[in-house]
Amino acid sequence: MNKTLKIFSALLVLVIVGAGAAGGGAWYWAKKQAVPMKAERVDYVVPAGAGPRAIALGMQQAGIDIHADAFVWMARLSKLDTTLQAGAYEAVRGDTPWMLMERMSSGNMLQTRLTIPEGWTYKRIREALAANEKVAQTLAQTTDQELMERLGAQQTHPEGLFYPDTYVFVPGTADLDILRRGFQTQQELLEQLWADRDPDLPLKTPYEALILASIVERETGHSQDRARVAGVFINRLRVGMPLQTDPTVIYGMGDAYDGRIRKRDLTTDTPWNTYTRNGLPPTPIASPGKASLLATLHPEKHDFYYFVSRGDGTSEFSANLAAHNRAVAKYILNR
């Protein structure tokens, strides 16, 4: 009996020592041993609803040599298996399995940026989205009208409806989702600014304000001139004077514009030609930023009806045609 007890005790000690060694090995693997990977940095995606094993297999396919069974047990024993978040992640050479798991549990996702500058057209925005390899392309066969319907927009023309900003997003985000963010931001900002507009503006709707703001955006790159330029257009609208602004003509020319406006272009009628048509064009001509929206809804009050570029980004303003002609001769014709 004593001999049997001694043998059992010895076996128990071996089991305990073995378990301790296994536990120590697991701890070392999880927190000290770097995961082999095919490159310095490897991007991978965790799909929505994926469990620890599916995540490990996806990491392996991306080039991260993680042990799937060990990863599953680590996730379960740490109780992090239910906190792993879907998204795009980046593994860096030297990362341990535990570092990778903590990153996914905290949602520390890989992010990238897309900048839409003020004054970009909708066409240019779509081109930037299509050229960005981090954006999932879902709109290639979608018409503008269909896009507007999917966004819940009242307008059928997309121009000007997307707020110019720098958008941070997870790689793999759909182009539609980025556009939706831009659309919602522009709508919310326009609604907020419209509610606080100056009284008695000759603008009937927020959309008309958006149209005029897009013109102001394209007419000046000098921030201090925005409210004054807006004031010129407001003065013209009040007296029924044509806006006669070149950027609207250029927009109406479309792909025919080659960098120059000729006299025939000013007289060729399009819905956006503000030389041949009074009032505002039917749509914006670009995406205006907040500064141009503010300038349009709080224009400078003055008696100017004309302005011309000085060639340095600023403008010369005039109250009558004779003064304007002199300014044109000075700054444009160099007389």
C-alpha atoms as a PDB file:
ATOM      1  CA  MET A   1       0.000   0.000   0.000  1.00  0.00           C
ATOM      2  CA  ASN A   2       2.773   2.368   0.918  1.00  0.00           C
ATOM      3  CA  LYS A   3       4.538   1.477  -2.321  1.00  0.00           C
ATOM      4  CA  THR A   4       1.355   2.220  -4.304  1.00  0.00           C
ATOM      5  CA  LEU A   5       0.917   5.561  -2.505  1.00  0.00           C
ATOM      6  CA  LYS A   6       4.484   6.529  -3.284  1.00  0.00           C
ATOM      7  CA  ILE A   7       4.016   5.729  -6.972  1.00  0.00           C
ATOM      8  CA  PHE A   8       0.740   7.764  -7.102  1.00  0.00           C
ATOM      9  CA  SER A   9       2.408  10.707  -5.365  1.00  0.00           C
ATOM     10  CA  ALA A  10       5.284  10.646  -7.830  1.00  0.00           C
ATOM     11  CA  LEU A  11       2.890  10.586 -10.780  1.00  0.00           C
ATOM     12  CA  LEU A  12       0.928  13.486  -9.294  1.00  0.00           C
ATOM     13  CA  VAL A  13       4.108  15.526  -8.960  1.00  0.00           C
ATOM     14  CA  LEU A  14       4.965  14.802 -12.600  1.00  0.00           C
ATOM     15  CA  VAL A  15       1.487  15.894 -13.708  1.00  0.00           C
ATOM     16  CA  ILE A  16       1.737  19.115 -11.702  1.00  0.00           C
ATOM     17  CA  VAL A  17       5.219  19.852 -13.011  1.00  0.00           C
ATOM     18  CA  GLY A  18       4.093  19.077 -16.568  1.00  0.00           C
ATOM     19  CA  ALA A  19       1.073  21.308 -16.238  1.00  0.00           C
ATOM     20  CA  GLY A  20       3.245  24.079 -14.879  1.00  0.00           C
ATOM     21  CA  ALA A  21       5.672  23.681 -17.744  1.00  0.00           C
ATOM     22  CA  ALA A  22       2.808  23.708 -20.237  1.00  0.00           C
ATOM     23  CA  GLY A  23       1.359  26.776 -18.581  1.00  0.00           C
ATOM     24  CA  GLY A  24       4.718  28.496 -18.654  1.00  0.00           C
ATOM     25  CA  GLY A  25       5.130  27.601 -22.297  1.00  0.00           C
ATOM     26  CA  ALA A  26       1.665  28.931 -23.138  1.00  0.00           C
ATOM     27  CA  TRP A  27       2.403  32.182 -21.286  1.00  0.00           C
ATOM     28  CA  TYR A  28       5.682  32.570 -23.143  1.00  0.00           C
ATOM     29  CA  TRP A  29       4.003  31.874 -26.506  1.00  0.00           C
ATOM     30  CA  ALA A  30       1.201  34.326 -25.851  1.00  0.00           C
ATOM     31  CA  LYS A  31       3.115  37.269 -24.408  1.00  0.00           C
ATOM     32  CA  LYS A  32       6.773  36.904 -25.275  1.00  0.00           C
ATOM     33  CA  GLN A  33       7.100  35.104 -28.592  1.00  0.00           C
ATOM     34  CA  ALA A  34       6.746  37.245 -31.719  1.00  0.00           C
ATOM     35  CA  VAL A  35       4.400  35.873 -34.372  1.00  0.00           C
ATOM     36  CA  PRO A  36       6.213  35.071 -37.652  1.00  0.00           C
ATOM     37  CA  MET A  37       4.849  37.084 -40.586  1.00  0.00           C
ATOM     38  CA  LYS A  38       5.658  37.526 -44.252  1.00  0.00           C
ATOM     39  CA  ALA A  39       6.477  41.262 -44.076  1.00  0.00           C
ATOM     40  CA  GLU A  40       7.231  44.081 -41.647  1.00  0.00           C
ATOM     41  CA  ARG A  41       3.563  45.062 -41.670  1.00  0.00           C
ATOM     42  CA  VAL A  42       0.647  42.877 -42.692  1.00  0.00           C
ATOM     43  CA  ASP A  43      -2.920  44.128 -43.059  1.00  0.00           C
ATOM     44  CA  TYR A  44      -5.813  41.778 -42.401  1.00  0.00           C
ATOM     45  CA  VAL A  45      -9.565  41.995 -41.971  1.00  0.00           C
ATOM     46  CA  VAL A  46     -11.782  40.562 -39.246  1.00  0.00           C
ATOM     47  CA  PRO A  47     -15.220  39.943 -40.805  1.00  0.00           C
ATOM     48  CA  ALA A  48     -18.361  40.706 -38.829  1.00  0.00           C
ATOM     49  CA  GLY A  49     -19.408  37.726 -36.718  1.00  0.00           C
ATOM     50  CA  ALA A  50     -16.084  35.879 -37.089  1.00  0.00           C
ATOM     51  CA  GLY A  51     -15.016  33.723 -34.130  1.00  0.00           C
ATOM     52  CA  PRO A  52     -11.424  33.190 -32.877  1.00  0.00           C
ATOM     53  CA  ARG A  53     -10.728  30.252 -35.212  1.00  0.00           C
ATOM     54  CA  ALA A  54     -12.018  32.061 -38.310  1.00  0.00           C
ATOM     55  CA  ILE A  55      -9.977  35.096 -37.304  1.00  0.00           C
ATOM     56  CA  ALA A  56      -6.823  32.997 -36.896  1.00  0.00           C
ATOM     57  CA  LEU A  57      -7.344  31.335 -40.274  1.00  0.00           C
ATOM     58  CA  GLY A  58      -7.860  34.740 -41.887  1.00  0.00           C
ATOM     59  CA  MET A  59      -4.633  35.964 -40.327  1.00  0.00           C
ATOM     60  CA  GLN A  60      -2.824  32.930 -41.699  1.00  0.00           C
ATOM     61  CA  GLN A  61      -4.140  33.642 -45.208  1.00  0.00           C
ATOM     62  CA  ALA A  62      -2.903  37.224 -44.916  1.00  0.00           C
ATOM     63  CA  GLY A  63       0.602  36.045 -44.062  1.00  0.00           C
ATOM     64  CA  ILE A  64       0.593  35.965 -40.251  1.00  0.00           C
ATOM     65  CA  ASP A  65       1.752  32.532 -39.021  1.00  0.00           C
ATOM     66  CA  ILE A  66      -0.475  32.301 -35.927  1.00  0.00           C
ATOM     67  CA  HIS A  67      -1.212  28.884 -34.354  1.00  0.00           C
ATOM     68  CA  ALA A  68      -4.988  28.582 -34.735  1.00  0.00           C
ATOM     69  CA  ASP A  69      -5.673  26.142 -31.868  1.00  0.00           C
ATOM     70  CA  ALA A  70      -3.503  28.081 -29.434  1.00  0.00           C
ATOM     71  CA  PHE A  71      -5.141  31.353 -30.487  1.00  0.00           C
ATOM     72  CA  VAL A  72      -8.602  29.879 -29.857  1.00  0.00           C
ATOM     73  CA  TRP A  73      -7.664  28.658 -26.379  1.00  0.00           C
ATOM     74  CA  MET A  74      -6.002  31.960 -25.520  1.00  0.00           C
ATOM     75  CA  ALA A  75      -9.158  33.816 -26.550  1.00  0.00           C
ATOM     76  CA  ARG A  76     -11.428  31.537 -24.521  1.00  0.00           C
ATOM     77  CA  LEU A  77      -9.314  31.351 -21.358  1.00  0.00           C
ATOM     78  CA  SER A  78      -8.848  35.148 -21.328  1.00  0.00           C
ATOM     79  CA  LYS A  79     -12.582  35.586 -22.018  1.00  0.00           C
ATOM     80  CA  LEU A  80     -11.746  37.960 -24.871  1.00  0.00           C
ATOM     81  CA  ASP A  81     -13.336  35.666 -27.452  1.00  0.00           C
ATOM     82  CA  THR A  82     -16.621  37.620 -27.305  1.00  0.00           C
ATOM     83  CA  THR A  83     -14.969  41.063 -27.497  1.00  0.00           C
ATOM     84  CA  LEU A  84     -13.008  40.712 -30.737  1.00  0.00           C
ATOM     85  CA  GLN A  85     -14.236  43.475 -33.068  1.00  0.00           C
ATOM     86  CA  ALA A  86     -14.754  43.334 -36.809  1.00  0.00           C
ATOM     87  CA  GLY A  87     -12.646  45.693 -38.887  1.00  0.00           C
ATOM     88  CA  ALA A  88      -9.288  46.155 -40.600  1.00  0.00           C
ATOM     89  CA  TYR A  89      -6.105  45.688 -38.583  1.00  0.00           C
ATOM     90  CA  GLU A  90      -2.367  45.867 -39.029  1.00  0.00           C
ATOM     91  CA  ALA A  91       0.107  43.367 -37.590  1.00  0.00           C
ATOM     92  CA  VAL A  92       3.668  44.611 -37.123  1.00  0.00           C
ATOM     93  CA  ARG A  93       6.741  42.397 -37.003  1.00  0.00           C
ATOM     94  CA  GLY A  94       7.474  41.775 -33.316  1.00  0.00           C
ATOM     95  CA  ASP A  95       3.813  41.560 -32.293  1.00  0.00           C
ATOM     96  CA  THR A  96       2.991  38.706 -29.922  1.00  0.00           C
ATOM     97  CA  PRO A  97      -0.287  36.755 -30.098  1.00  0.00           C
ATOM     98  CA  TRP A  98      -1.491  38.604 -26.998  1.00  0.00           C
ATOM     99  CA  MET A  99      -0.729  42.006 -28.548  1.00  0.00           C
ATOM    100  CA  LEU A 100      -2.721  41.051 -31.637  1.00  0.00           C
ATOM    101  CA  MET A 101      -5.648  39.855 -29.544  1.00  0.00           C
ATOM    102  CA  GLU A 102      -5.694  42.950 -27.326  1.00  0.00           C
ATOM    103  CA  ARG A 103      -5.656  45.154 -30.431  1.00  0.00           C
ATOM    104  CA  MET A 104      -8.708  43.375 -31.828  1.00  0.00           C
ATOM    105  CA  SER A 105     -10.463  43.374 -28.457  1.00  0.00           C
ATOM    106  CA  SER A 106     -10.016  47.137 -28.022  1.00  0.00           C
ATOM    107  CA  GLY A 107     -10.952  47.875 -31.631  1.00  0.00           C
ATOM    108  CA  ASN A 108      -7.618  49.544 -32.377  1.00  0.00           C
ATOM    109  CA  MET A 109      -8.203  49.308 -36.106  1.00  0.00           C
ATOM    110  CA  LEU A 110      -6.097  50.306 -39.054  1.00  0.00           C
ATOM    111  CA  GLN A 111      -7.341  53.621 -40.426  1.00  0.00           C
ATOM    112  CA  THR A 112      -6.635  55.680 -43.496  1.00  0.00           C
ATOM    113  CA  ARG A 113      -7.644  59.119 -44.727  1.00  0.00           C
ATOM    114  CA  LEU A 114      -9.277  60.644 -47.771  1.00  0.00           C
ATOM    115  CA  THR A 115      -9.214  64.419 -48.150  1.00  0.00           C
ATOM    116  CA  ILE A 116     -11.898  66.190 -50.180  1.00  0.00           C
ATOM    117  CA  PRO A 117     -10.796  69.834 -50.573  1.00  0.00           C
ATOM    118  CA  GLU A 118     -13.207  72.745 -50.735  1.00  0.00           C
ATOM    119  CA  GLY A 119     -14.282  73.494 -54.280  1.00  0.00           C
ATOM    120  CA  TRP A 120     -14.009  69.962 -55.637  1.00  0.00           C
ATOM    121  CA  THR A 121     -16.730  68.880 -58.027  1.00  0.00           C
ATOM    122  CA  TYR A 122     -18.741  65.718 -57.507  1.00  0.00           C
ATOM    123  CA  LYS A 123     -16.950  64.198 -60.507  1.00  0.00           C
ATOM    124  CA  ARG A 124     -13.567  64.823 -58.867  1.00  0.00           C
ATOM    125  CA  ILE A 125     -14.803  63.311 -55.579  1.00  0.00           C
ATOM    126  CA  ARG A 126     -15.974  60.148 -57.333  1.00  0.00           C
ATOM    127  CA  GLU A 127     -12.644  59.889 -59.157  1.00  0.00           C
ATOM    128  CA  ALA A 128     -10.744  60.148 -55.853  1.00  0.00           C
ATOM    129  CA  LEU A 129     -12.905  57.435 -54.292  1.00  0.00           C
ATOM    130  CA  ALA A 130     -12.450  55.157 -57.294  1.00  0.00           C
ATOM    131  CA  ALA A 131      -8.667  55.651 -57.256  1.00  0.00           C
ATOM    132  CA  ASN A 132      -8.295  54.873 -53.550  1.00  0.00           C
ATOM    133  CA  GLU A 133      -7.348  51.212 -53.154  1.00  0.00           C
ATOM    134  CA  LYS A 134      -8.475  51.258 -49.509  1.00  0.00           C
ATOM    135  CA  VAL A 135     -12.081  52.053 -50.510  1.00  0.00           C
ATOM    136  CA  ALA A 136     -14.443  49.218 -51.395  1.00  0.00           C
ATOM    137  CA  GLN A 137     -15.931  50.021 -54.802  1.00  0.00           C
ATOM    138  CA  THR A 138     -19.703  49.470 -54.838  1.00  0.00           C
ATOM    139  CA  LEU A 139     -21.018  52.305 -57.016  1.00  0.00           C
ATOM    140  CA  ALA A 140     -19.447  51.619 -60.408  1.00  0.00           C
ATOM    141  CA  GLN A 141     -22.811  50.678 -61.959  1.00  0.00           C
ATOM    142  CA  THR A 142     -24.902  53.111 -59.877  1.00  0.00           C
ATOM    143  CA  THR A 143     -26.403  56.159 -61.596  1.00  0.00           C
ATOM    144  CA  ASP A 144     -26.435  59.554 -59.906  1.00  0.00           C
ATOM    145  CA  GLN A 145     -30.207  59.338 -59.525  1.00  0.00           C
ATOM    146  CA  GLU A 146     -29.947  55.921 -57.886  1.00  0.00           C
ATOM    147  CA  LEU A 147     -27.262  57.246 -55.538  1.00  0.00           C
ATOM    148  CA  MET A 148     -29.477  60.152 -54.510  1.00  0.00           C
ATOM    149  CA  GLU A 149     -32.318  57.738 -53.797  1.00  0.00           C
ATOM    150  CA  ARG A 150     -30.071  55.527 -51.667  1.00  0.00           C
ATOM    151  CA  LEU A 151     -28.931  58.563 -49.692  1.00  0.00           C
ATOM    152  CA  GLY A 152     -32.498  59.758 -49.200  1.00  0.00           C
ATOM    153  CA  ALA A 153     -31.719  63.077 -50.899  1.00  0.00           C
ATOM    154  CA  GLN A 154     -34.504  65.340 -52.143  1.00  0.00           C
ATOM    155  CA  GLN A 155     -32.308  66.538 -54.995  1.00  0.00           C
ATOM    156  CA  THR A 156     -31.649  64.458 -58.112  1.00  0.00           C
ATOM    157  CA  HIS A 157     -28.295  66.132 -58.894  1.00  0.00           C
ATOM    158  CA  PRO A 158     -25.414  65.217 -56.547  1.00  0.00           C
ATOM    159  CA  GLU A 159     -23.250  68.303 -57.070  1.00  0.00           C
ATOM    160  CA  GLY A 160     -22.374  70.230 -53.900  1.00  0.00           C
ATOM    161  CA  LEU A 161     -24.109  67.812 -51.536  1.00  0.00           C
ATOM    162  CA  PHE A 162     -20.935  66.328 -50.019  1.00  0.00           C
ATOM    163  CA  TYR A 163     -19.057  68.229 -47.355  1.00  0.00           C
ATOM    164  CA  PRO A 164     -15.369  68.814 -48.138  1.00  0.00           C
ATOM    165  CA  ASP A 165     -13.297  67.421 -45.279  1.00  0.00           C
ATOM    166  CA  THR A 166     -10.693  64.813 -44.349  1.00  0.00           C
ATOM    167  CA  TYR A 167     -12.465  61.509 -43.795  1.00  0.00           C
ATOM    168  CA  VAL A 168     -10.805  58.887 -41.587  1.00  0.00           C
ATOM    169  CA  PHE A 169     -12.056  55.395 -42.340  1.00  0.00           C
ATOM    170  CA  VAL A 170     -11.229  51.744 -41.928  1.00  0.00           C
ATOM    171  CA  PRO A 171      -9.800  50.152 -45.096  1.00  0.00           C
ATOM    172  CA  GLY A 172     -12.528  48.250 -46.862  1.00  0.00           C
ATOM    173  CA  THR A 173     -15.158  50.902 -46.127  1.00  0.00           C
ATOM    174  CA  ALA A 174     -17.575  51.221 -49.051  1.00  0.00           C
ATOM    175  CA  ASP A 175     -17.537  54.315 -51.252  1.00  0.00           C
ATOM    176  CA  LEU A 176     -21.257  54.689 -50.506  1.00  0.00           C
ATOM    177  CA  ASP A 177     -20.595  54.891 -46.759  1.00  0.00           C
ATOM    178  CA  ILE A 178     -18.018  57.668 -47.200  1.00  0.00           C
ATOM    179  CA  LEU A 179     -20.373  59.600 -49.461  1.00  0.00           C
ATOM    180  CA  ARG A 180     -23.187  59.101 -46.959  1.00  0.00           C
ATOM    181  CA  ARG A 181     -21.041  60.666 -44.223  1.00  0.00           C
ATOM    182  CA  GLY A 182     -20.239  63.621 -46.484  1.00  0.00           C
ATOM    183  CA  PHE A 183     -23.882  64.033 -47.449  1.00  0.00           C
ATOM    184  CA  GLN A 184     -25.168  63.910 -43.875  1.00  0.00           C
ATOM    185  CA  THR A 185     -22.506  66.339 -42.662  1.00  0.00           C
ATOM    186  CA  GLN A 186     -23.327  68.828 -45.417  1.00  0.00           C
ATOM    187  CA  GLN A 187     -27.076  68.574 -44.766  1.00  0.00           C
ATOM    188  CA  GLU A 188     -26.703  69.036 -41.014  1.00  0.00           C
ATOM    189  CA  LEU A 189     -24.318  71.982 -41.388  1.00  0.00           C
ATOM    190  CA  LEU A 190     -26.489  73.668 -44.012  1.00  0.00           C
ATOM    191  CA  GLU A 191     -29.594  73.292 -41.842  1.00  0.00           C
ATOM    192  CA  GLN A 192     -27.789  74.727 -38.832  1.00  0.00           C
ATOM    193  CA  LEU A 193     -26.324  77.715 -40.707  1.00  0.00           C
ATOM    194  CA  TRP A 194     -29.555  78.425 -42.591  1.00  0.00           C
ATOM    195  CA  ALA A 195     -31.443  78.775 -39.307  1.00  0.00           C
ATOM    196  CA  ASP A 196     -29.039  81.559 -38.260  1.00  0.00           C
ATOM    197  CA  ARG A 197     -28.852  83.390 -41.613  1.00  0.00           C
ATOM    198  CA  ASP A 198     -29.085  87.142 -42.053  1.00  0.00           C
ATOM    199  CA  PRO A 199     -32.657  88.394 -42.564  1.00  0.00           C
ATOM    200  CA  ASP A 200     -33.979  89.493 -45.961  1.00  0.00           C
ATOM    201  CA  LEU A 201     -31.546  87.542 -48.104  1.00  0.00           C
ATOM    202  CA  PRO A 202     -32.788  86.970 -51.673  1.00  0.00           C
ATOM    203  CA  LEU A 203     -32.448  83.226 -51.112  1.00  0.00           C
ATOM    204  CA  LYS A 204     -35.586  81.158 -50.661  1.00  0.00           C
ATOM    205  CA  THR A 205     -34.199  77.797 -49.565  1.00  0.00           C
ATOM    206  CA  PRO A 206     -31.089  76.224 -48.024  1.00  0.00           C
ATOM    207  CA  TYR A 207     -30.404  74.660 -51.432  1.00  0.00           C
ATOM    208  CA  GLU A 208     -30.242  78.097 -53.053  1.00  0.00           C
ATOM    209  CA  ALA A 209     -27.752  79.094 -50.365  1.00  0.00           C
ATOM    210  CA  LEU A 210     -25.706  76.001 -51.215  1.00  0.00           C
ATOM    211  CA  ILE A 211     -25.722  76.972 -54.908  1.00  0.00           C
ATOM    212  CA  LEU A 212     -24.506  80.503 -54.216  1.00  0.00           C
ATOM    213  CA  ALA A 213     -21.925  79.285 -51.688  1.00  0.00           C
ATOM    214  CA  SER A 214     -20.464  76.980 -54.342  1.00  0.00           C
ATOM    215  CA  ILE A 215     -20.009  79.988 -56.630  1.00  0.00           C
ATOM    216  CA  VAL A 216     -18.366  81.988 -53.841  1.00  0.00           C
ATOM    217  CA  GLU A 217     -16.094  79.007 -53.189  1.00  0.00           C
ATOM    218  CA  ARG A 218     -14.904  78.915 -56.790  1.00  0.00           C
ATOM    219  CA  GLU A 219     -14.625  82.687 -57.209  1.00  0.00           C
ATOM    220  CA  THR A 220     -12.051  83.417 -54.525  1.00  0.00           C
ATOM    221  CA  GLY A 221      -9.259  81.653 -52.725  1.00  0.00           C
ATOM    222  CA  HIS A 222      -8.713  84.663 -50.472  1.00  0.00           C
ATOM    223  CA  SER A 223     -10.581  84.075 -47.229  1.00  0.00           C
ATOM    224  CA  GLN A 224     -10.940  87.764 -46.399  1.00  0.00           C
ATOM    225  CA  ASP A 225     -12.728  88.401 -49.709  1.00  0.00           C
ATOM    226  CA  ARG A 226     -15.400  85.707 -49.330  1.00  0.00           C
ATOM    227  CA  ALA A 227     -18.047  87.782 -47.543  1.00  0.00           C
ATOM    228  CA  ARG A 228     -17.443  90.724 -49.906  1.00  0.00           C
ATOM    229  CA  VAL A 229     -17.742  88.511 -53.004  1.00  0.00           C
ATOM    230  CA  ALA A 230     -20.929  87.041 -51.562  1.00  0.00           C
ATOM    231  CA  GLY A 231     -22.188  90.578 -51.029  1.00  0.00           C
ATOM    232  CA  VAL A 232     -21.657  91.378 -54.709  1.00  0.00           C
ATOM    233  CA  PHE A 233     -23.774  88.413 -55.786  1.00  0.00           C
ATOM    234  CA  ILE A 234     -26.458  89.211 -53.196  1.00  0.00           C
ATOM    235  CA  ASN A 235     -26.612  92.796 -54.509  1.00  0.00           C
ATOM    236  CA  ARG A 236     -26.986  91.523 -58.069  1.00  0.00           C
ATOM    237  CA  LEU A 237     -29.731  89.066 -57.123  1.00  0.00           C
ATOM    238  CA  ARG A 238     -31.637  91.824 -55.344  1.00  0.00           C
ATOM    239  CA  VAL A 239     -31.794  94.042 -58.435  1.00  0.00           C
ATOM    240  CA  GLY A 240     -32.229  91.235 -60.980  1.00  0.00           C
ATOM    241  CA  MET A 241     -28.778  91.674 -62.479  1.00  0.00           C
ATOM    242  CA  PRO A 242     -27.115  88.602 -64.083  1.00  0.00           C
ATOM    243  CA  LEU A 243     -24.436  87.062 -61.863  1.00  0.00           C
ATOM    244  CA  GLN A 244     -22.046  86.809 -64.842  1.00  0.00           C
ATOM    245  CA  THR A 245     -19.549  84.546 -63.094  1.00  0.00           C
ATOM    246  CA  ASP A 246     -17.036  82.535 -65.103  1.00  0.00           C
ATOM    247  CA  PRO A 247     -16.935  79.415 -62.882  1.00  0.00           C
ATOM    248  CA  THR A 248     -20.579  78.690 -63.728  1.00  0.00           C
ATOM    249  CA  VAL A 249     -19.796  78.944 -67.440  1.00  0.00           C
ATOM    250  CA  ILE A 250     -16.872  76.559 -67.003  1.00  0.00           C
ATOM    251  CA  TYR A 251     -19.085  74.103 -65.133  1.00  0.00           C
ATOM    252  CA  GLY A 252     -21.680  74.199 -67.921  1.00  0.00           C
ATOM    253  CA  MET A 253     -18.970  73.520 -70.519  1.00  0.00           C
ATOM    254  CA  GLY A 254     -18.125  70.201 -68.868  1.00  0.00           C
ATOM    255  CA  ASP A 255     -15.354  68.267 -70.592  1.00  0.00           C
ATOM    256  CA  ALA A 256     -15.200  70.865 -73.372  1.00  0.00           C
ATOM    257  CA  TYR A 257     -13.376  73.254 -71.045  1.00  0.00           C
ATOM    258  CA  ASP A 258      -9.667  73.294 -71.943  1.00  0.00           C
ATOM    259  CA  GLY A 259      -8.438  75.897 -69.482  1.00  0.00           C
ATOM    260  CA  ARG A 260      -9.628  78.936 -71.436  1.00  0.00           C
ATOM    261  CA  ILE A 261     -12.944  80.765 -71.730  1.00  0.00           C
ATOM    262  CA  ARG A 262     -13.579  82.350 -75.111  1.00  0.00           C
ATOM    263  CA  LYS A 263     -16.199  84.923 -76.063  1.00  0.00           C
ATOM    264  CA  ARG A 264     -18.296  82.233 -77.733  1.00  0.00           C
ATOM    265  CA  ASP A 265     -18.325  80.295 -74.451  1.00  0.00           C
ATOM    266  CA  LEU A 266     -19.857  83.272 -72.652  1.00  0.00           C
ATOM    267  CA  THR A 267     -22.636  83.472 -75.228  1.00  0.00           C
ATOM    268  CA  THR A 268     -23.304  79.754 -75.603  1.00  0.00           C
ATOM    269  CA  ASP A 269     -26.320  79.019 -73.447  1.00  0.00           C
ATOM    270  CA  THR A 270     -26.294  76.228 -70.862  1.00  0.00           C
ATOM    271  CA  PRO A 271     -28.363  75.906 -67.673  1.00  0.00           C
ATOM    272  CA  TRP A 272     -25.272  77.082 -65.744  1.00  0.00           C
ATOM    273  CA  ASN A 273     -24.332  80.055 -67.949  1.00  0.00           C
ATOM    274  CA  THR A 274     -24.982  83.070 -65.729  1.00  0.00           C
ATOM    275  CA  TYR A 275     -24.184  85.419 -68.631  1.00  0.00           C
ATOM    276  CA  THR A 276     -27.115  84.161 -70.698  1.00  0.00           C
ATOM    277  CA  ARG A 277     -29.490  83.462 -67.780  1.00  0.00           C
ATOM    278  CA  ASN A 278     -30.538  85.549 -64.802  1.00  0.00           C
ATOM    279  CA  GLY A 279     -30.608  84.270 -61.251  1.00  0.00           C
ATOM    280  CA  LEU A 280     -28.911  81.265 -59.761  1.00  0.00           C
ATOM    281  CA  PRO A 281     -27.934  78.210 -61.814  1.00  0.00           C
ATOM    282  CA  PRO A 282     -30.052  75.089 -61.199  1.00  0.00           C
ATOM    283  CA  THR A 283     -27.454  73.303 -59.041  1.00  0.00           C
ATOM    284  CA  PRO A 284     -24.237  74.000 -57.156  1.00  0.00           C
ATOM    285  CA  ILE A 285     -21.065  73.904 -59.236  1.00  0.00           C
ATOM    286  CA  ALA A 286     -18.809  72.402 -56.529  1.00  0.00           C
ATOM    287  CA  SER A 287     -18.729  71.442 -52.860  1.00  0.00           C
ATOM    288  CA  PRO A 288     -18.488  74.588 -50.723  1.00  0.00           C
ATOM    289  CA  GLY A 289     -16.843  74.554 -47.317  1.00  0.00           C
ATOM    290  CA  LYS A 290     -18.179  76.054 -44.112  1.00  0.00           C
ATOM    291  CA  ALA A 291     -16.418  79.390 -44.673  1.00  0.00           C
ATOM    292  CA  SER A 292     -18.171  79.945 -48.007  1.00  0.00           C
ATOM    293  CA  LEU A 293     -21.528  78.928 -46.553  1.00  0.00           C
ATOM    294  CA  LEU A 294     -21.060  81.399 -43.704  1.00  0.00           C
ATOM    295  CA  ALA A 295     -20.037  84.158 -46.129  1.00  0.00           C
ATOM    296  CA  THR A 296     -23.115  83.496 -48.261  1.00  0.00           C
ATOM    297  CA  LEU A 297     -25.519  83.540 -45.327  1.00  0.00           C
ATOM    298  CA  HIS A 298     -23.793  86.541 -43.690  1.00  0.00           C
ATOM    299  CA  PRO A 299     -22.569  88.585 -46.684  1.00  0.00           C
ATOM    300  CA  GLU A 300     -20.779  91.876 -46.297  1.00  0.00           C
ATOM    301  CA  LYS A 301     -23.156  94.817 -46.758  1.00  0.00           C
ATOM    302  CA  HIS A 302     -21.785  97.255 -49.342  1.00  0.00           C
ATOM    303  CA  ASP A 303     -22.579  98.964 -52.667  1.00  0.00           C
ATOM    304  CA  PHE A 304     -20.296  96.881 -54.876  1.00  0.00           C
ATOM    305  CA  TYR A 305     -21.719  95.174 -57.981  1.00  0.00           C
ATOM    306  CA  TYR A 306     -18.471  94.208 -59.700  1.00  0.00           C
ATOM    307  CA  PHE A 307     -15.122  92.652 -58.884  1.00  0.00           C
ATOM    308  CA  VAL A 308     -12.063  91.512 -60.803  1.00  0.00           C
ATOM    309  CA  SER A 309      -9.053  89.471 -59.799  1.00  0.00           C
ATOM    310  CA  ARG A 310      -5.872  91.392 -59.056  1.00  0.00           C
ATOM    311  CA  GLY A 311      -3.832  88.347 -59.990  1.00  0.00           C
ATOM    312  CA  ASP A 312      -2.568  87.685 -56.472  1.00  0.00           C
ATOM    313  CA  GLY A 313      -5.604  85.860 -55.123  1.00  0.00           C
ATOM    314  CA  THR A 314      -7.375  89.038 -53.998  1.00  0.00           C
ATOM    315  CA  SER A 315     -10.038  91.025 -55.864  1.00  0.00           C
ATOM    316  CA  GLU A 316     -10.698  94.650 -56.764  1.00  0.00           C
ATOM    317  CA  PHE A 317     -14.303  95.694 -56.084  1.00  0.00           C
ATOM    318  CA  SER A 318     -16.261  98.409 -57.852  1.00  0.00           C
ATOM    319  CA  ALA A 319     -19.631 100.080 -57.335  1.00  0.00           C
ATOM    320  CA  ASN A 320     -20.290 100.898 -61.017  1.00  0.00           C
ATOM    321  CA  LEU A 321     -19.403  99.720 -64.492  1.00  0.00           C
ATOM    322  CA  ALA A 322     -17.053 102.612 -65.276  1.00  0.00           C
ATOM    323  CA  ALA A 323     -14.914 101.892 -62.208  1.00  0.00           C
ATOM    324  CA  HIS A 324     -15.010  98.198 -63.018  1.00  0.00           C
ATOM    325  CA  ASN A 325     -13.781  98.814 -66.566  1.00  0.00           C
ATOM    326  CA  ARG A 326     -10.862 100.794 -65.181  1.00  0.00           C
ATOM    327  CA  ALA A 327     -10.040  97.920 -62.818  1.00  0.00           C
ATOM    328  CA  VAL A 328     -10.205  95.445 -65.723  1.00  0.00           C
ATOM    329  CA  ALA A 329      -7.861  97.631 -67.761  1.00  0.00           C
ATOM    330  CA  LYS A 330      -5.422  97.796 -64.856  1.00  0.00           C
ATOM    331  CA  TYR A 331      -5.418  94.203 -63.686  1.00  0.00           C
ATOM    332  CA  ILE A 332      -6.441  92.242 -66.776  1.00  0.00           C
ATOM    333  CA  LEU A 333      -5.411  94.253 -69.801  1.00  0.00           C
ATOM    334  CA  ASN A 334      -2.353  95.783 -68.074  1.00  0.00           C
ATOM    335  CA  ARG A 335      -3.000  99.235 -69.461  1.00  0.00           C
END
